[in-house]
Amino acid sequence: AYRVEAEARHRQAAMAATYVAGYRVAL
């Protein structure tokens, strides 16, 4: 919810990319 609300639509893929990077490192 925070990710969706924090930035405009055209930055959502970049938000997702950094999120996925952190997520995979955590795994």
mmCIF file of all heavy atoms, coordinates in Angstrom:
data_MODEL
# 
_entry.id   MODEL 
# 
loop_
_atom_site.group_PDB 
_atom_site.id 
_atom_site.type_symbol 
_atom_site.label_atom_id 
_atom_site.label_alt_id 
_atom_site.label_comp_id 
_atom_site.label_asym_id 
_atom_site.label_entity_id 
_atom_site.label_seq_id 
_atom_site.pdbx_PDB_ins_code 
_atom_site.Cartn_x 
_atom_site.Cartn_y 
_atom_site.Cartn_z 
_atom_site.occupancy 
_atom_site.B_iso_or_equiv 
_atom_site.pdbx_formal_charge 
_atom_site.auth_seq_id 
_atom_site.auth_comp_id 
_atom_site.auth_asym_id 
_atom_site.auth_atom_id 
_atom_site.pdbx_PDB_model_num 
ATOM 1   N N   . ALA A 1 1  ? 0.834  -1.205  0.000   1.00 0.00 ? 1  ALA A N   1 
ATOM 2   C CA  . ALA A 1 1  ? 0.000  0.000   0.000   1.00 0.00 ? 1  ALA A CA  1 
ATOM 3   C C   . ALA A 1 1  ? 0.869  1.256   0.000   1.00 0.00 ? 1  ALA A C   1 
ATOM 4   O O   . ALA A 1 1  ? 0.595  2.215   -0.730  1.00 0.00 ? 1  ALA A O   1 
ATOM 5   C CB  . ALA A 1 1  ? -0.932 -0.004  1.212   1.00 0.00 ? 1  ALA A CB  1 
ATOM 6   N N   . TYR A 1 2  ? 1.924  1.251   0.812   1.00 0.00 ? 2  TYR A N   1 
ATOM 7   C CA  . TYR A 1 2  ? 2.832  2.404   0.853   1.00 0.00 ? 2  TYR A CA  1 
ATOM 8   C C   . TYR A 1 2  ? 3.469  2.633   -0.518  1.00 0.00 ? 2  TYR A C   1 
ATOM 9   O O   . TYR A 1 2  ? 3.531  3.763   -1.011  1.00 0.00 ? 2  TYR A O   1 
ATOM 10  C CB  . TYR A 1 2  ? 3.918  2.184   1.903   1.00 0.00 ? 2  TYR A CB  1 
ATOM 11  C CG  . TYR A 1 2  ? 5.036  3.200   1.802   1.00 0.00 ? 2  TYR A CG  1 
ATOM 12  C CD1 . TYR A 1 2  ? 4.931  4.443   2.402   1.00 0.00 ? 2  TYR A CD1 1 
ATOM 13  C CD2 . TYR A 1 2  ? 6.189  2.920   1.070   1.00 0.00 ? 2  TYR A CD2 1 
ATOM 14  C CE1 . TYR A 1 2  ? 5.943  5.392   2.289   1.00 0.00 ? 2  TYR A CE1 1 
ATOM 15  C CE2 . TYR A 1 2  ? 7.198  3.853   0.939   1.00 0.00 ? 2  TYR A CE2 1 
ATOM 16  C CZ  . TYR A 1 2  ? 7.070  5.085   1.564   1.00 0.00 ? 2  TYR A CZ  1 
ATOM 17  O OH  . TYR A 1 2  ? 8.069  6.015   1.415   1.00 0.00 ? 2  TYR A OH  1 
ATOM 18  N N   . ARG A 1 3  ? 3.955  1.544   -1.147  1.00 0.00 ? 3  ARG A N   1 
ATOM 19  C CA  . ARG A 1 3  ? 4.635  1.669   -2.433  1.00 0.00 ? 3  ARG A CA  1 
ATOM 20  C C   . ARG A 1 3  ? 3.709  2.258   -3.494  1.00 0.00 ? 3  ARG A C   1 
ATOM 21  O O   . ARG A 1 3  ? 4.100  3.125   -4.281  1.00 0.00 ? 3  ARG A O   1 
ATOM 22  C CB  . ARG A 1 3  ? 5.134  0.298   -2.897  1.00 0.00 ? 3  ARG A CB  1 
ATOM 23  C CG  . ARG A 1 3  ? 6.014  0.348   -4.142  1.00 0.00 ? 3  ARG A CG  1 
ATOM 24  C CD  . ARG A 1 3  ? 6.282  -1.013  -4.733  1.00 0.00 ? 3  ARG A CD  1 
ATOM 25  N NE  . ARG A 1 3  ? 5.076  -1.619  -5.252  1.00 0.00 ? 3  ARG A NE  1 
ATOM 26  C CZ  . ARG A 1 3  ? 4.493  -2.679  -4.717  1.00 0.00 ? 3  ARG A CZ  1 
ATOM 27  N NH1 . ARG A 1 3  ? 5.007  -3.255  -3.651  1.00 0.00 ? 3  ARG A NH1 1 
ATOM 28  N NH2 . ARG A 1 3  ? 3.372  -3.159  -5.237  1.00 0.00 ? 3  ARG A NH2 1 
ATOM 29  N N   . VAL A 1 4  ? 2.479  1.796   -3.511  1.00 0.00 ? 4  VAL A N   1 
ATOM 30  C CA  . VAL A 1 4  ? 1.513  2.278   -4.499  1.00 0.00 ? 4  VAL A CA  1 
ATOM 31  C C   . VAL A 1 4  ? 1.215  3.757   -4.293  1.00 0.00 ? 4  VAL A C   1 
ATOM 32  O O   . VAL A 1 4  ? 1.096  4.529   -5.244  1.00 0.00 ? 4  VAL A O   1 
ATOM 33  C CB  . VAL A 1 4  ? 0.213  1.449   -4.412  1.00 0.00 ? 4  VAL A CB  1 
ATOM 34  C CG1 . VAL A 1 4  ? -0.870 2.065   -5.290  1.00 0.00 ? 4  VAL A CG1 1 
ATOM 35  C CG2 . VAL A 1 4  ? 0.471  0.008   -4.843  1.00 0.00 ? 4  VAL A CG2 1 
ATOM 36  N N   . GLU A 1 5  ? 1.093  4.170   -3.045  1.00 0.00 ? 5  GLU A N   1 
ATOM 37  C CA  . GLU A 1 5  ? 0.685  5.535   -2.723  1.00 0.00 ? 5  GLU A CA  1 
ATOM 38  C C   . GLU A 1 5  ? 1.834  6.535   -2.736  1.00 0.00 ? 5  GLU A C   1 
ATOM 39  O O   . GLU A 1 5  ? 1.613  7.737   -2.908  1.00 0.00 ? 5  GLU A O   1 
ATOM 40  C CB  . GLU A 1 5  ? 0.016  5.565   -1.343  1.00 0.00 ? 5  GLU A CB  1 
ATOM 41  C CG  . GLU A 1 5  ? -1.280 4.771   -1.287  1.00 0.00 ? 5  GLU A CG  1 
ATOM 42  C CD  . GLU A 1 5  ? -1.824 4.610   0.119   1.00 0.00 ? 5  GLU A CD  1 
ATOM 43  O OE1 . GLU A 1 5  ? -1.129 5.023   1.086   1.00 0.00 ? 5  GLU A OE1 1 
ATOM 44  O OE2 . GLU A 1 5  ? -2.928 4.072   0.262   1.00 0.00 ? 5  GLU A OE2 1 
ATOM 45  N N   . ALA A 1 6  ? 3.062  6.051   -2.571  1.00 0.00 ? 6  ALA A N   1 
ATOM 46  C CA  . ALA A 1 6  ? 4.181  6.969   -2.345  1.00 0.00 ? 6  ALA A CA  1 
ATOM 47  C C   . ALA A 1 6  ? 4.651  7.678   -3.603  1.00 0.00 ? 6  ALA A C   1 
ATOM 48  O O   . ALA A 1 6  ? 5.189  8.789   -3.518  1.00 0.00 ? 6  ALA A O   1 
ATOM 49  C CB  . ALA A 1 6  ? 5.357  6.214   -1.710  1.00 0.00 ? 6  ALA A CB  1 
ATOM 50  N N   . GLU A 1 7  ? 4.485  7.060   -4.763  1.00 0.00 ? 7  GLU A N   1 
ATOM 51  C CA  . GLU A 1 7  ? 4.999  7.661   -5.993  1.00 0.00 ? 7  GLU A CA  1 
ATOM 52  C C   . GLU A 1 7  ? 4.000  7.550   -7.138  1.00 0.00 ? 7  GLU A C   1 
ATOM 53  O O   . GLU A 1 7  ? 3.115  6.702   -7.130  1.00 0.00 ? 7  GLU A O   1 
ATOM 54  C CB  . GLU A 1 7  ? 6.329  6.994   -6.409  1.00 0.00 ? 7  GLU A CB  1 
ATOM 55  C CG  . GLU A 1 7  ? 7.533  7.512   -5.639  1.00 0.00 ? 7  GLU A CG  1 
ATOM 56  C CD  . GLU A 1 7  ? 7.825  8.983   -5.898  1.00 0.00 ? 7  GLU A CD  1 
ATOM 57  O OE1 . GLU A 1 7  ? 7.355  9.511   -6.921  1.00 0.00 ? 7  GLU A OE1 1 
ATOM 58  O OE2 . GLU A 1 7  ? 8.516  9.594   -5.073  1.00 0.00 ? 7  GLU A OE2 1 
ATOM 59  N N   . ALA A 1 8  ? 4.192  8.409   -8.146  1.00 0.00 ? 8  ALA A N   1 
ATOM 60  C CA  . ALA A 1 8  ? 3.324  8.424   -9.322  1.00 0.00 ? 8  ALA A CA  1 
ATOM 61  C C   . ALA A 1 8  ? 3.529  7.159   -10.155 1.00 0.00 ? 8  ALA A C   1 
ATOM 62  O O   . ALA A 1 8  ? 4.495  6.421   -9.977  1.00 0.00 ? 8  ALA A O   1 
ATOM 63  C CB  . ALA A 1 8  ? 3.612  9.664   -10.173 1.00 0.00 ? 8  ALA A CB  1 
ATOM 64  N N   . ARG A 1 9  ? 2.595  6.940   -11.081 1.00 0.00 ? 9  ARG A N   1 
ATOM 65  C CA  . ARG A 1 9  ? 2.552  5.696   -11.839 1.00 0.00 ? 9  ARG A CA  1 
ATOM 66  C C   . ARG A 1 9  ? 3.842  5.405   -12.597 1.00 0.00 ? 9  ARG A C   1 
ATOM 67  O O   . ARG A 1 9  ? 4.324  4.269   -12.623 1.00 0.00 ? 9  ARG A O   1 
ATOM 68  C CB  . ARG A 1 9  ? 1.372  5.750   -12.817 1.00 0.00 ? 9  ARG A CB  1 
ATOM 69  C CG  . ARG A 1 9  ? 1.267  4.535   -13.711 1.00 0.00 ? 9  ARG A CG  1 
ATOM 70  C CD  . ARG A 1 9  ? -0.073 4.473   -14.401 1.00 0.00 ? 9  ARG A CD  1 
ATOM 71  N NE  . ARG A 1 9  ? -0.455 5.756   -14.973 1.00 0.00 ? 9  ARG A NE  1 
ATOM 72  C CZ  . ARG A 1 9  ? -1.719 6.083   -15.221 1.00 0.00 ? 9  ARG A CZ  1 
ATOM 73  N NH1 . ARG A 1 9  ? -2.684 5.256   -14.913 1.00 0.00 ? 9  ARG A NH1 1 
ATOM 74  N NH2 . ARG A 1 9  ? -2.003 7.253   -15.760 1.00 0.00 ? 9  ARG A NH2 1 
ATOM 75  N N   . HIS A 1 10 ? 4.453  6.402   -13.225 1.00 0.00 ? 10 HIS A N   1 
ATOM 76  C CA  . HIS A 1 10 ? 5.616  6.126   -14.074 1.00 0.00 ? 10 HIS A CA  1 
ATOM 77  C C   . HIS A 1 10 ? 6.855  5.752   -13.258 1.00 0.00 ? 10 HIS A C   1 
ATOM 78  O O   . HIS A 1 10 ? 7.857  5.312   -13.817 1.00 0.00 ? 10 HIS A O   1 
ATOM 79  C CB  . HIS A 1 10 ? 5.912  7.319   -14.992 1.00 0.00 ? 10 HIS A CB  1 
ATOM 80  C CG  . HIS A 1 10 ? 6.385  8.552   -14.279 1.00 0.00 ? 10 HIS A CG  1 
ATOM 81  N ND1 . HIS A 1 10 ? 5.521  9.399   -13.616 1.00 0.00 ? 10 HIS A ND1 1 
ATOM 82  C CD2 . HIS A 1 10 ? 7.628  9.075   -14.129 1.00 0.00 ? 10 HIS A CD2 1 
ATOM 83  C CE1 . HIS A 1 10 ? 6.225  10.401  -13.091 1.00 0.00 ? 10 HIS A CE1 1 
ATOM 84  N NE2 . HIS A 1 10 ? 7.489  10.225  -13.392 1.00 0.00 ? 10 HIS A NE2 1 
ATOM 85  N N   . ARG A 1 11 ? 6.805  5.918   -11.924 1.00 0.00 ? 11 ARG A N   1 
ATOM 86  C CA  . ARG A 1 11 ? 7.923  5.484   -11.072 1.00 0.00 ? 11 ARG A CA  1 
ATOM 87  C C   . ARG A 1 11 ? 7.642  4.154   -10.385 1.00 0.00 ? 11 ARG A C   1 
ATOM 88  O O   . ARG A 1 11 ? 8.496  3.650   -9.645  1.00 0.00 ? 11 ARG A O   1 
ATOM 89  C CB  . ARG A 1 11 ? 8.232  6.558   -10.015 1.00 0.00 ? 11 ARG A CB  1 
ATOM 90  C CG  . ARG A 1 11 ? 8.759  7.871   -10.592 1.00 0.00 ? 11 ARG A CG  1 
ATOM 91  C CD  . ARG A 1 11 ? 9.374  8.730   -9.497  1.00 0.00 ? 11 ARG A CD  1 
ATOM 92  N NE  . ARG A 1 11 ? 9.739  10.035  -10.014 1.00 0.00 ? 11 ARG A NE  1 
ATOM 93  C CZ  . ARG A 1 11 ? 9.010  11.147  -9.854  1.00 0.00 ? 11 ARG A CZ  1 
ATOM 94  N NH1 . ARG A 1 11 ? 7.876  11.088  -9.165  1.00 0.00 ? 11 ARG A NH1 1 
ATOM 95  N NH2 . ARG A 1 11 ? 9.400  12.298  -10.355 1.00 0.00 ? 11 ARG A NH2 1 
ATOM 96  N N   . GLN A 1 12 ? 6.458  3.590   -10.609 1.00 0.00 ? 12 GLN A N   1 
ATOM 97  C CA  . GLN A 1 12 ? 6.105  2.372   -9.899  1.00 0.00 ? 12 GLN A CA  1 
ATOM 98  C C   . GLN A 1 12 ? 6.990  1.190   -10.286 1.00 0.00 ? 12 GLN A C   1 
ATOM 99  O O   . GLN A 1 12 ? 7.309  0.344   -9.446  1.00 0.00 ? 12 GLN A O   1 
ATOM 100 C CB  . GLN A 1 12 ? 4.628  2.032   -10.147 1.00 0.00 ? 12 GLN A CB  1 
ATOM 101 C CG  . GLN A 1 12 ? 3.653  2.898   -9.368  1.00 0.00 ? 12 GLN A CG  1 
ATOM 102 C CD  . GLN A 1 12 ? 3.812  2.744   -7.867  1.00 0.00 ? 12 GLN A CD  1 
ATOM 103 O OE1 . GLN A 1 12 ? 3.963  1.635   -7.358  1.00 0.00 ? 12 GLN A OE1 1 
ATOM 104 N NE2 . GLN A 1 12 ? 3.774  3.855   -7.147  1.00 0.00 ? 12 GLN A NE2 1 
ATOM 105 N N   . ALA A 1 13 ? 7.410  1.093   -11.538 1.00 0.00 ? 13 ALA A N   1 
ATOM 106 C CA  . ALA A 1 13 ? 8.281  -0.018  -11.945 1.00 0.00 ? 13 ALA A CA  1 
ATOM 107 C C   . ALA A 1 13 ? 9.644  0.090   -11.268 1.00 0.00 ? 13 ALA A C   1 
ATOM 108 O O   . ALA A 1 13 ? 10.243 -0.918  -10.883 1.00 0.00 ? 13 ALA A O   1 
ATOM 109 C CB  . ALA A 1 13 ? 8.449  -0.049  -13.455 1.00 0.00 ? 13 ALA A CB  1 
ATOM 110 N N   . ALA A 1 14 ? 10.154 1.321   -11.116 1.00 0.00 ? 14 ALA A N   1 
ATOM 111 C CA  . ALA A 1 14 ? 11.425 1.510   -10.414 1.00 0.00 ? 14 ALA A CA  1 
ATOM 112 C C   . ALA A 1 14 ? 11.264 1.173   -8.931  1.00 0.00 ? 14 ALA A C   1 
ATOM 113 O O   . ALA A 1 14 ? 12.162 0.565   -8.325  1.00 0.00 ? 14 ALA A O   1 
ATOM 114 C CB  . ALA A 1 14 ? 11.905 2.950   -10.577 1.00 0.00 ? 14 ALA A CB  1 
ATOM 115 N N   . MET A 1 15 ? 10.136 1.565   -8.340  1.00 0.00 ? 15 MET A N   1 
ATOM 116 C CA  . MET A 1 15 ? 9.851  1.190   -6.947  1.00 0.00 ? 15 MET A CA  1 
ATOM 117 C C   . MET A 1 15 ? 9.823  -0.325  -6.828  1.00 0.00 ? 15 MET A C   1 
ATOM 118 O O   . MET A 1 15 ? 10.368 -0.901  -5.870  1.00 0.00 ? 15 MET A O   1 
ATOM 119 C CB  . MET A 1 15 ? 8.501  1.777   -6.520  1.00 0.00 ? 15 MET A CB  1 
ATOM 120 C CG  . MET A 1 15 ? 8.424  3.297   -6.486  1.00 0.00 ? 15 MET A CG  1 
ATOM 121 S SD  . MET A 1 15 ? 9.129  4.027   -4.998  1.00 0.00 ? 15 MET A SD  1 
ATOM 122 C CE  . MET A 1 15 ? 7.760  3.816   -3.845  1.00 0.00 ? 15 MET A CE  1 
ATOM 123 N N   . ALA A 1 16 ? 9.194  -0.993  -7.803  1.00 0.00 ? 16 ALA A N   1 
ATOM 124 C CA  . ALA A 1 16 ? 9.125  -2.450  -7.790  1.00 0.00 ? 16 ALA A CA  1 
ATOM 125 C C   . ALA A 1 16 ? 10.504 -3.074  -7.959  1.00 0.00 ? 16 ALA A C   1 
ATOM 126 O O   . ALA A 1 16 ? 10.829 -4.080  -7.315  1.00 0.00 ? 16 ALA A O   1 
ATOM 127 C CB  . ALA A 1 16 ? 8.188  -2.937  -8.896  1.00 0.00 ? 16 ALA A CB  1 
ATOM 128 N N   . ALA A 1 17 ? 11.337 -2.478  -8.822  1.00 0.00 ? 17 ALA A N   1 
ATOM 129 C CA  . ALA A 1 17 ? 12.671 -3.039  -9.086  1.00 0.00 ? 17 ALA A CA  1 
ATOM 130 C C   . ALA A 1 17 ? 13.543 -3.023  -7.831  1.00 0.00 ? 17 ALA A C   1 
ATOM 131 O O   . ALA A 1 17 ? 14.207 -4.016  -7.516  1.00 0.00 ? 17 ALA A O   1 
ATOM 132 C CB  . ALA A 1 17 ? 13.352 -2.251  -10.208 1.00 0.00 ? 17 ALA A CB  1 
ATOM 133 N N   . THR A 1 18 ? 13.560 -1.887  -7.121  1.00 0.00 ? 18 THR A N   1 
ATOM 134 C CA  . THR A 1 18 ? 14.376 -1.827  -5.906  1.00 0.00 ? 18 THR A CA  1 
ATOM 135 C C   . THR A 1 18 ? 13.790 -2.722  -4.814  1.00 0.00 ? 18 THR A C   1 
ATOM 136 O O   . THR A 1 18 ? 14.519 -3.350  -4.044  1.00 0.00 ? 18 THR A O   1 
ATOM 137 C CB  . THR A 1 18 ? 14.507 -0.378  -5.393  1.00 0.00 ? 18 THR A CB  1 
ATOM 138 O OG1 . THR A 1 18 ? 13.202 0.220   -5.324  1.00 0.00 ? 18 THR A OG1 1 
ATOM 139 C CG2 . THR A 1 18 ? 15.378 0.444   -6.324  1.00 0.00 ? 18 THR A CG2 1 
ATOM 140 N N   . TYR A 1 19 ? 12.459 -2.808  -4.764  1.00 0.00 ? 19 TYR A N   1 
ATOM 141 C CA  . TYR A 1 19 ? 11.795 -3.696  -3.811  1.00 0.00 ? 19 TYR A CA  1 
ATOM 142 C C   . TYR A 1 19 ? 12.191 -5.151  -4.073  1.00 0.00 ? 19 TYR A C   1 
ATOM 143 O O   . TYR A 1 19 ? 12.554 -5.891  -3.146  1.00 0.00 ? 19 TYR A O   1 
ATOM 144 C CB  . TYR A 1 19 ? 10.280 -3.530  -3.927  1.00 0.00 ? 19 TYR A CB  1 
ATOM 145 C CG  . TYR A 1 19 ? 9.470  -4.487  -3.093  1.00 0.00 ? 19 TYR A CG  1 
ATOM 146 C CD1 . TYR A 1 19 ? 9.214  -4.229  -1.755  1.00 0.00 ? 19 TYR A CD1 1 
ATOM 147 C CD2 . TYR A 1 19 ? 8.940  -5.656  -3.654  1.00 0.00 ? 19 TYR A CD2 1 
ATOM 148 C CE1 . TYR A 1 19 ? 8.466  -5.112  -0.985  1.00 0.00 ? 19 TYR A CE1 1 
ATOM 149 C CE2 . TYR A 1 19 ? 8.193  -6.531  -2.904  1.00 0.00 ? 19 TYR A CE2 1 
ATOM 150 C CZ  . TYR A 1 19 ? 7.950  -6.263  -1.570  1.00 0.00 ? 19 TYR A CZ  1 
ATOM 151 O OH  . TYR A 1 19 ? 7.210  -7.143  -0.819  1.00 0.00 ? 19 TYR A OH  1 
ATOM 152 N N   . VAL A 1 20 ? 12.133 -5.565  -5.347  1.00 0.00 ? 20 VAL A N   1 
ATOM 153 C CA  . VAL A 1 20 ? 12.493 -6.939  -5.718  1.00 0.00 ? 20 VAL A CA  1 
ATOM 154 C C   . VAL A 1 20 ? 13.958 -7.221  -5.391  1.00 0.00 ? 20 VAL A C   1 
ATOM 155 O O   . VAL A 1 20 ? 14.302 -8.304  -4.907  1.00 0.00 ? 20 VAL A O   1 
ATOM 156 C CB  . VAL A 1 20 ? 12.209 -7.189  -7.214  1.00 0.00 ? 20 VAL A CB  1 
ATOM 157 C CG1 . VAL A 1 20 ? 12.832 -8.494  -7.685  1.00 0.00 ? 20 VAL A CG1 1 
ATOM 158 C CG2 . VAL A 1 20 ? 10.707 -7.195  -7.475  1.00 0.00 ? 20 VAL A CG2 1 
ATOM 159 N N   . ALA A 1 21 ? 14.840 -6.237  -5.633  1.00 0.00 ? 21 ALA A N   1 
ATOM 160 C CA  . ALA A 1 21 ? 16.259 -6.429  -5.328  1.00 0.00 ? 21 ALA A CA  1 
ATOM 161 C C   . ALA A 1 21 ? 16.460 -6.686  -3.836  1.00 0.00 ? 21 ALA A C   1 
ATOM 162 O O   . ALA A 1 21 ? 17.154 -7.644  -3.443  1.00 0.00 ? 21 ALA A O   1 
ATOM 163 C CB  . ALA A 1 21 ? 17.051 -5.192  -5.760  1.00 0.00 ? 21 ALA A CB  1 
ATOM 164 N N   . GLY A 1 22 ? 15.860 -5.855  -3.003  1.00 0.00 ? 22 GLY A N   1 
ATOM 165 C CA  . GLY A 1 22 ? 15.972 -6.062  -1.561  1.00 0.00 ? 22 GLY A CA  1 
ATOM 166 C C   . GLY A 1 22 ? 15.359 -7.375  -1.125  1.00 0.00 ? 22 GLY A C   1 
ATOM 167 O O   . GLY A 1 22 ? 15.904 -8.084  -0.261  1.00 0.00 ? 22 GLY A O   1 
ATOM 168 N N   . TYR A 1 23 ? 14.229 -7.726  -1.721  1.00 0.00 ? 23 TYR A N   1 
ATOM 169 C CA  . TYR A 1 23 ? 13.509 -8.954  -1.386  1.00 0.00 ? 23 TYR A CA  1 
ATOM 170 C C   . TYR A 1 23 ? 14.355 -10.184 -1.699  1.00 0.00 ? 23 TYR A C   1 
ATOM 171 O O   . TYR A 1 23 ? 14.479 -11.106 -0.871  1.00 0.00 ? 23 TYR A O   1 
ATOM 172 C CB  . TYR A 1 23 ? 12.210 -8.987  -2.191  1.00 0.00 ? 23 TYR A CB  1 
ATOM 173 C CG  . TYR A 1 23 ? 11.161 -9.952  -1.697  1.00 0.00 ? 23 TYR A CG  1 
ATOM 174 C CD1 . TYR A 1 23 ? 10.158 -9.523  -0.831  1.00 0.00 ? 23 TYR A CD1 1 
ATOM 175 C CD2 . TYR A 1 23 ? 11.139 -11.284 -2.117  1.00 0.00 ? 23 TYR A CD2 1 
ATOM 176 C CE1 . TYR A 1 23 ? 9.174  -10.396 -0.388  1.00 0.00 ? 23 TYR A CE1 1 
ATOM 177 C CE2 . TYR A 1 23 ? 10.176 -12.157 -1.679  1.00 0.00 ? 23 TYR A CE2 1 
ATOM 178 C CZ  . TYR A 1 23 ? 9.181  -11.705 -0.816  1.00 0.00 ? 23 TYR A CZ  1 
ATOM 179 O OH  . TYR A 1 23 ? 8.218  -12.588 -0.381  1.00 0.00 ? 23 TYR A OH  1 
ATOM 180 N N   . ARG A 1 24 ? 14.974 -10.194 -2.893  1.00 0.00 ? 24 ARG A N   1 
ATOM 181 C CA  . ARG A 1 24 ? 15.774 -11.360 -3.303  1.00 0.00 ? 24 ARG A CA  1 
ATOM 182 C C   . ARG A 1 24 ? 17.035 -11.497 -2.443  1.00 0.00 ? 24 ARG A C   1 
ATOM 183 O O   . ARG A 1 24 ? 17.452 -12.610 -2.116  1.00 0.00 ? 24 ARG A O   1 
ATOM 184 C CB  . ARG A 1 24 ? 16.149 -11.240 -4.782  1.00 0.00 ? 24 ARG A CB  1 
ATOM 185 C CG  . ARG A 1 24 ? 14.966 -11.336 -5.743  1.00 0.00 ? 24 ARG A CG  1 
ATOM 186 C CD  . ARG A 1 24 ? 14.266 -12.670 -5.656  1.00 0.00 ? 24 ARG A CD  1 
ATOM 187 N NE  . ARG A 1 24 ? 13.145 -12.774 -6.583  1.00 0.00 ? 24 ARG A NE  1 
ATOM 188 C CZ  . ARG A 1 24 ? 13.196 -13.393 -7.745  1.00 0.00 ? 24 ARG A CZ  1 
ATOM 189 N NH1 . ARG A 1 24 ? 14.320 -13.951 -8.158  1.00 0.00 ? 24 ARG A NH1 1 
ATOM 190 N NH2 . ARG A 1 24 ? 12.122 -13.462 -8.509  1.00 0.00 ? 24 ARG A NH2 1 
ATOM 191 N N   . VAL A 1 25 ? 17.649 -10.380 -2.094  1.00 0.00 ? 25 VAL A N   1 
ATOM 192 C CA  . VAL A 1 25 ? 18.818 -10.430 -1.205  1.00 0.00 ? 25 VAL A CA  1 
ATOM 193 C C   . VAL A 1 25 ? 18.411 -11.015 0.150   1.00 0.00 ? 25 VAL A C   1 
ATOM 194 O O   . VAL A 1 25 ? 19.122 -11.842 0.727   1.00 0.00 ? 25 VAL A O   1 
ATOM 195 C CB  . VAL A 1 25 ? 19.431 -9.029  -1.027  1.00 0.00 ? 25 VAL A CB  1 
ATOM 196 C CG1 . VAL A 1 25 ? 20.475 -9.032  0.086   1.00 0.00 ? 25 VAL A CG1 1 
ATOM 197 C CG2 . VAL A 1 25 ? 20.061 -8.557  -2.336  1.00 0.00 ? 25 VAL A CG2 1 
ATOM 198 N N   . ALA A 1 26 ? 17.239 -10.597 0.646   1.00 0.00 ? 26 ALA A N   1 
ATOM 199 C CA  . ALA A 1 26 ? 16.757 -11.107 1.931   1.00 0.00 ? 26 ALA A CA  1 
ATOM 200 C C   . ALA A 1 26 ? 16.516 -12.614 1.879   1.00 0.00 ? 26 ALA A C   1 
ATOM 201 O O   . ALA A 1 26 ? 16.787 -13.329 2.860   1.00 0.00 ? 26 ALA A O   1 
ATOM 202 C CB  . ALA A 1 26 ? 15.480 -10.380 2.332   1.00 0.00 ? 26 ALA A CB  1 
ATOM 203 N N   . LEU A 1 27 ? 16.001 -13.108 0.755   1.00 0.00 ? 27 LEU A N   1 
ATOM 204 C CA  . LEU A 1 27 ? 15.784 -14.552 0.623   1.00 0.00 ? 27 LEU A CA  1 
ATOM 205 C C   . LEU A 1 27 ? 17.102 -15.319 0.724   1.00 0.00 ? 27 LEU A C   1 
ATOM 206 O O   . LEU A 1 27 ? 17.164 -16.388 1.341   1.00 0.00 ? 27 LEU A O   1 
ATOM 207 C CB  . LEU A 1 27 ? 15.093 -14.867 -0.712  1.00 0.00 ? 27 LEU A CB  1 
ATOM 208 C CG  . LEU A 1 27 ? 13.653 -14.368 -0.885  1.00 0.00 ? 27 LEU A CG  1 
ATOM 209 C CD1 . LEU A 1 27 ? 13.111 -14.794 -2.249  1.00 0.00 ? 27 LEU A CD1 1 
ATOM 210 C CD2 . LEU A 1 27 ? 12.750 -14.890 0.224   1.00 0.00 ? 27 LEU A CD2 1 
# 
